[in-house]
């Protein structure tokens, strides 16, 4: 069982590193196509996202390895498990948080969607088609035609 876990961790670490190398090579290829030797904001964002997720998952794998090596019920095992869980979650969420912080348009759009009730009260009129259907938000200047009778 222990050898299978170690093999699985080496396999995961290798693919995280390969994924990071693919991201770096895609940025380099993009620069070659553009004939530019300066990183633009999209290249930097891609590399930072890749670096954040790769480093978090590699630390997670290392902490899992430490957890298996140290004696059971030691304080180091508890710390390794805590750091492992934190870096696993951070591997998914830190790249998203980075994009949210760096991209002003995305941040504005997400805040607008989050506070849609407040926005809709000011800019939109609510219309409920029937009791069973959803509430739709339409601009205040929209003309609603009566249903066609057949």
C-alpha atoms as a PDB file:
ATOM      1  CA  UNK A   1       0.000   0.000   0.000  1.00  0.00           C
ATOM      2  CA  UNK A   2       2.807   2.407   0.891  1.00  0.00           C
ATOM      3  CA  UNK A   3       4.587   1.844  -2.425  1.00  0.00           C
ATOM      4  CA  UNK A   4       1.363   2.471  -4.347  1.00  0.00           C
ATOM      5  CA  UNK A   5       0.867   5.775  -2.479  1.00  0.00           C
ATOM      6  CA  UNK A   6       4.426   6.865  -3.202  1.00  0.00           C
ATOM      7  CA  UNK A   7       4.080   5.920  -6.868  1.00  0.00           C
ATOM      8  CA  UNK A   8       0.821   7.855  -7.054  1.00  0.00           C
ATOM      9  CA  UNK A   9       2.456  10.928  -5.497  1.00  0.00           C
ATOM     10  CA  UNK A  10       5.403  10.783  -7.898  1.00  0.00           C
ATOM     11  CA  UNK A  11       2.932  10.410 -10.775  1.00  0.00           C
ATOM     12  CA  UNK A  12       0.915  13.442  -9.598  1.00  0.00           C
ATOM     13  CA  UNK A  13       4.020  15.568  -9.024  1.00  0.00           C
ATOM     14  CA  UNK A  14       5.368  14.698 -12.461  1.00  0.00           C
ATOM     15  CA  UNK A  15       2.140  15.727 -14.149  1.00  0.00           C
ATOM     16  CA  UNK A  16       1.921  18.993 -12.199  1.00  0.00           C
ATOM     17  CA  UNK A  17       5.454  19.821 -13.332  1.00  0.00           C
ATOM     18  CA  UNK A  18       4.669  18.782 -16.921  1.00  0.00           C
ATOM     19  CA  UNK A  19       1.556  20.973 -16.842  1.00  0.00           C
ATOM     20  CA  UNK A  20       3.618  23.933 -15.633  1.00  0.00           C
ATOM     21  CA  UNK A  21       6.188  23.314 -18.407  1.00  0.00           C
ATOM     22  CA  UNK A  22       3.398  23.244 -20.995  1.00  0.00           C
ATOM     23  CA  UNK A  23       2.126  26.603 -19.721  1.00  0.00           C
ATOM     24  CA  UNK A  24       5.613  28.117 -19.888  1.00  0.00           C
ATOM     25  CA  UNK A  25       6.179  26.739 -23.377  1.00  0.00           C
ATOM     26  CA  UNK A  26       2.812  28.088 -24.547  1.00  0.00           C
ATOM     27  CA  UNK A  27       3.797  31.570 -23.344  1.00  0.00           C
ATOM     28  CA  UNK A  28       7.162  31.275 -25.093  1.00  0.00           C
ATOM     29  CA  UNK A  29       5.489  30.099 -28.299  1.00  0.00           C
ATOM     30  CA  UNK A  30       3.029  32.980 -28.109  1.00  0.00           C
ATOM     31  CA  UNK A  31       5.907  35.429 -27.784  1.00  0.00           C
ATOM     32  CA  UNK A  32       7.628  33.846 -30.770  1.00  0.00           C
ATOM     33  CA  UNK A  33       4.462  34.187 -32.867  1.00  0.00           C
ATOM     34  CA  UNK A  34       4.075  37.831 -31.900  1.00  0.00           C
ATOM     35  CA  UNK A  35       7.819  38.486 -32.361  1.00  0.00           C
ATOM     36  CA  UNK A  36       7.842  40.228 -29.003  1.00  0.00           C
ATOM     37  CA  UNK A  37      10.252  39.498 -26.189  1.00  0.00           C
ATOM     38  CA  UNK A  38       8.267  41.209 -23.428  1.00  0.00           C
ATOM     39  CA  UNK A  39       5.579  39.501 -21.381  1.00  0.00           C
ATOM     40  CA  UNK A  40       2.176  41.160 -21.651  1.00  0.00           C
ATOM     41  CA  UNK A  41      -0.441  41.052 -18.897  1.00  0.00           C
ATOM     42  CA  UNK A  42      -2.109  37.888 -20.250  1.00  0.00           C
ATOM     43  CA  UNK A  43       1.188  36.006 -20.292  1.00  0.00           C
ATOM     44  CA  UNK A  44       1.998  37.094 -16.754  1.00  0.00           C
ATOM     45  CA  UNK A  45      -1.486  36.110 -15.592  1.00  0.00           C
ATOM     46  CA  UNK A  46      -1.202  32.655 -17.172  1.00  0.00           C
ATOM     47  CA  UNK A  47       2.231  32.056 -15.664  1.00  0.00           C
ATOM     48  CA  UNK A  48       1.164  33.262 -12.199  1.00  0.00           C
ATOM     49  CA  UNK A  49      -1.938  31.067 -12.203  1.00  0.00           C
ATOM     50  CA  UNK A  50       0.098  28.082 -13.279  1.00  0.00           C
ATOM     51  CA  UNK A  51       2.833  28.776 -10.731  1.00  0.00           C
ATOM     52  CA  UNK A  52       0.311  29.250  -7.898  1.00  0.00           C
ATOM     53  CA  UNK A  53      -1.554  26.020  -8.555  1.00  0.00           C
ATOM     54  CA  UNK A  54       1.578  23.964  -9.259  1.00  0.00           C
ATOM     55  CA  UNK A  55       3.430  25.146  -6.168  1.00  0.00           C
ATOM     56  CA  UNK A  56       0.398  24.550  -3.926  1.00  0.00           C
ATOM     57  CA  UNK A  57      -0.095  21.024  -5.198  1.00  0.00           C
ATOM     58  CA  UNK A  58       3.617  20.200  -4.925  1.00  0.00           C
ATOM     59  CA  UNK A  59       3.637  21.412  -1.304  1.00  0.00           C
ATOM     60  CA  UNK A  60       0.523  19.294  -0.736  1.00  0.00           C
ATOM     61  CA  UNK A  61       2.308  16.215  -2.067  1.00  0.00           C
ATOM     62  CA  UNK A  62       5.367  16.958   0.093  1.00  0.00           C
ATOM     63  CA  UNK A  63       3.223  17.374   3.220  1.00  0.00           C
ATOM     64  CA  UNK A  64       1.463  14.081   2.494  1.00  0.00           C
ATOM     65  CA  UNK A  65       4.856  12.413   2.237  1.00  0.00           C
ATOM     66  CA  UNK A  66       5.962  13.971   5.542  1.00  0.00           C
ATOM     67  CA  UNK A  67       2.687  12.843   7.141  1.00  0.00           C
ATOM     68  CA  UNK A  68       3.493   9.233   6.217  1.00  0.00           C
ATOM     69  CA  UNK A  69       7.128   9.440   7.362  1.00  0.00           C
ATOM     70  CA  UNK A  70       6.768  10.975  10.840  1.00  0.00           C
ATOM     71  CA  UNK A  71       5.614   8.865  13.822  1.00  0.00           C
ATOM     72  CA  UNK A  72       1.872   8.573  14.417  1.00  0.00           C
ATOM     73  CA  UNK A  73       0.157  11.059  16.739  1.00  0.00           C
ATOM     74  CA  UNK A  74       3.061  13.529  16.739  1.00  0.00           C
ATOM     75  CA  UNK A  75       2.545  17.285  16.493  1.00  0.00           C
ATOM     76  CA  UNK A  76       4.484  17.308  13.206  1.00  0.00           C
ATOM     77  CA  UNK A  77       1.960  14.915  11.693  1.00  0.00           C
ATOM     78  CA  UNK A  78      -0.883  17.250  12.693  1.00  0.00           C
ATOM     79  CA  UNK A  79       0.908  20.258  11.199  1.00  0.00           C
ATOM     80  CA  UNK A  80       1.677  18.337   7.990  1.00  0.00           C
ATOM     81  CA  UNK A  81      -1.970  17.318   7.649  1.00  0.00           C
ATOM     82  CA  UNK A  82      -3.176  20.902   8.240  1.00  0.00           C
ATOM     83  CA  UNK A  83      -0.724  22.382   5.713  1.00  0.00           C
ATOM     84  CA  UNK A  84      -1.563  19.614   3.232  1.00  0.00           C
ATOM     85  CA  UNK A  85      -5.282  20.372   3.431  1.00  0.00           C
ATOM     86  CA  UNK A  86      -4.725  24.133   3.189  1.00  0.00           C
ATOM     87  CA  UNK A  87      -2.477  23.871   0.145  1.00  0.00           C
ATOM     88  CA  UNK A  88      -4.849  21.445  -1.565  1.00  0.00           C
ATOM     89  CA  UNK A  89      -7.707  23.919  -1.252  1.00  0.00           C
ATOM     90  CA  UNK A  90      -5.415  26.835  -2.157  1.00  0.00           C
ATOM     91  CA  UNK A  91      -4.300  25.054  -5.319  1.00  0.00           C
ATOM     92  CA  UNK A  92      -7.809  25.470  -6.675  1.00  0.00           C
ATOM     93  CA  UNK A  93      -8.742  28.821  -5.178  1.00  0.00           C
ATOM     94  CA  UNK A  94      -5.569  30.954  -5.282  1.00  0.00           C
ATOM     95  CA  UNK A  95      -5.422  31.130  -9.117  1.00  0.00           C
ATOM     96  CA  UNK A  96      -9.069  32.248  -9.192  1.00  0.00           C
ATOM     97  CA  UNK A  97      -8.451  34.788  -6.451  1.00  0.00           C
ATOM     98  CA  UNK A  98      -5.413  36.091  -8.338  1.00  0.00           C
ATOM     99  CA  UNK A  99      -7.465  36.651 -11.505  1.00  0.00           C
ATOM    100  CA  UNK A 100     -10.217  38.282  -9.451  1.00  0.00           C
ATOM    101  CA  UNK A 101      -7.723  40.711  -7.915  1.00  0.00           C
ATOM    102  CA  UNK A 102      -5.871  41.492 -11.158  1.00  0.00           C
ATOM    103  CA  UNK A 103      -8.803  41.812 -13.582  1.00  0.00           C
ATOM    104  CA  UNK A 104     -10.832  44.938 -12.839  1.00  0.00           C
ATOM    105  CA  UNK A 105     -13.571  44.170 -15.391  1.00  0.00           C
ATOM    106  CA  UNK A 106     -14.132  40.687 -13.980  1.00  0.00           C
ATOM    107  CA  UNK A 107     -14.228  42.046 -10.449  1.00  0.00           C
ATOM    108  CA  UNK A 108     -16.808  44.669 -11.441  1.00  0.00           C
ATOM    109  CA  UNK A 109     -18.948  42.107 -13.273  1.00  0.00           C
ATOM    110  CA  UNK A 110     -18.911  39.615 -10.392  1.00  0.00           C
ATOM    111  CA  UNK A 111     -19.794  42.277  -7.834  1.00  0.00           C
ATOM    112  CA  UNK A 112     -22.608  43.461 -10.082  1.00  0.00           C
ATOM    113  CA  UNK A 113     -23.958  39.911 -10.378  1.00  0.00           C
ATOM    114  CA  UNK A 114     -23.594  39.340  -6.649  1.00  0.00           C
ATOM    115  CA  UNK A 115     -25.583  42.449  -5.821  1.00  0.00           C
ATOM    116  CA  UNK A 116     -28.139  41.938  -8.623  1.00  0.00           C
ATOM    117  CA  UNK A 117     -31.102  42.517  -6.315  1.00  0.00           C
ATOM    118  CA  UNK A 118     -29.898  46.006  -5.498  1.00  0.00           C
ATOM    119  CA  UNK A 119     -29.039  46.686  -9.133  1.00  0.00           C
ATOM    120  CA  UNK A 120     -32.376  45.349 -10.351  1.00  0.00           C
ATOM    121  CA  UNK A 121     -34.333  47.539  -7.987  1.00  0.00           C
ATOM    122  CA  UNK A 122     -32.726  50.619  -9.504  1.00  0.00           C
ATOM    123  CA  UNK A 123     -32.245  49.754 -13.175  1.00  0.00           C
ATOM    124  CA  UNK A 124     -34.784  47.040 -13.934  1.00  0.00           C
ATOM    125  CA  UNK A 125     -38.449  46.264 -13.548  1.00  0.00           C
ATOM    126  CA  UNK A 126     -39.350  42.812 -12.264  1.00  0.00           C
ATOM    127  CA  UNK A 127     -41.895  40.828 -14.201  1.00  0.00           C
ATOM    128  CA  UNK A 128     -43.357  37.526 -13.093  1.00  0.00           C
ATOM    129  CA  UNK A 129     -44.933  35.588 -15.940  1.00  0.00           C
ATOM    130  CA  UNK A 130     -46.811  33.063 -13.785  1.00  0.00           C
ATOM    131  CA  UNK A 131     -46.729  31.733 -10.254  1.00  0.00           C
ATOM    132  CA  UNK A 132     -44.759  28.643 -11.304  1.00  0.00           C
ATOM    133  CA  UNK A 133     -42.127  30.462 -13.378  1.00  0.00           C
ATOM    134  CA  UNK A 134     -39.082  32.439 -12.418  1.00  0.00           C
ATOM    135  CA  UNK A 135     -38.900  36.181 -11.965  1.00  0.00           C
ATOM    136  CA  UNK A 136     -37.349  37.924 -14.967  1.00  0.00           C
ATOM    137  CA  UNK A 137     -35.574  41.257 -14.864  1.00  0.00           C
ATOM    138  CA  UNK A 138     -36.170  43.558 -17.819  1.00  0.00           C
ATOM    139  CA  UNK A 139     -35.009  47.117 -18.481  1.00  0.00           C
ATOM    140  CA  UNK A 140     -37.510  49.713 -17.297  1.00  0.00           C
ATOM    141  CA  UNK A 141     -38.092  51.108 -20.779  1.00  0.00           C
ATOM    142  CA  UNK A 142     -39.164  47.737 -22.273  1.00  0.00           C
ATOM    143  CA  UNK A 143     -42.683  47.578 -23.713  1.00  0.00           C
ATOM    144  CA  UNK A 144     -44.547  44.379 -22.824  1.00  0.00           C
ATOM    145  CA  UNK A 145     -47.077  43.239 -25.386  1.00  0.00           C
ATOM    146  CA  UNK A 146     -50.154  41.287 -24.305  1.00  0.00           C
ATOM    147  CA  UNK A 147     -50.256  37.576 -25.272  1.00  0.00           C
ATOM    148  CA  UNK A 148     -51.746  36.719 -28.663  1.00  0.00           C
ATOM    149  CA  UNK A 149     -55.078  34.926 -28.404  1.00  0.00           C
ATOM    150  CA  UNK A 150     -55.790  32.183 -30.909  1.00  0.00           C
END
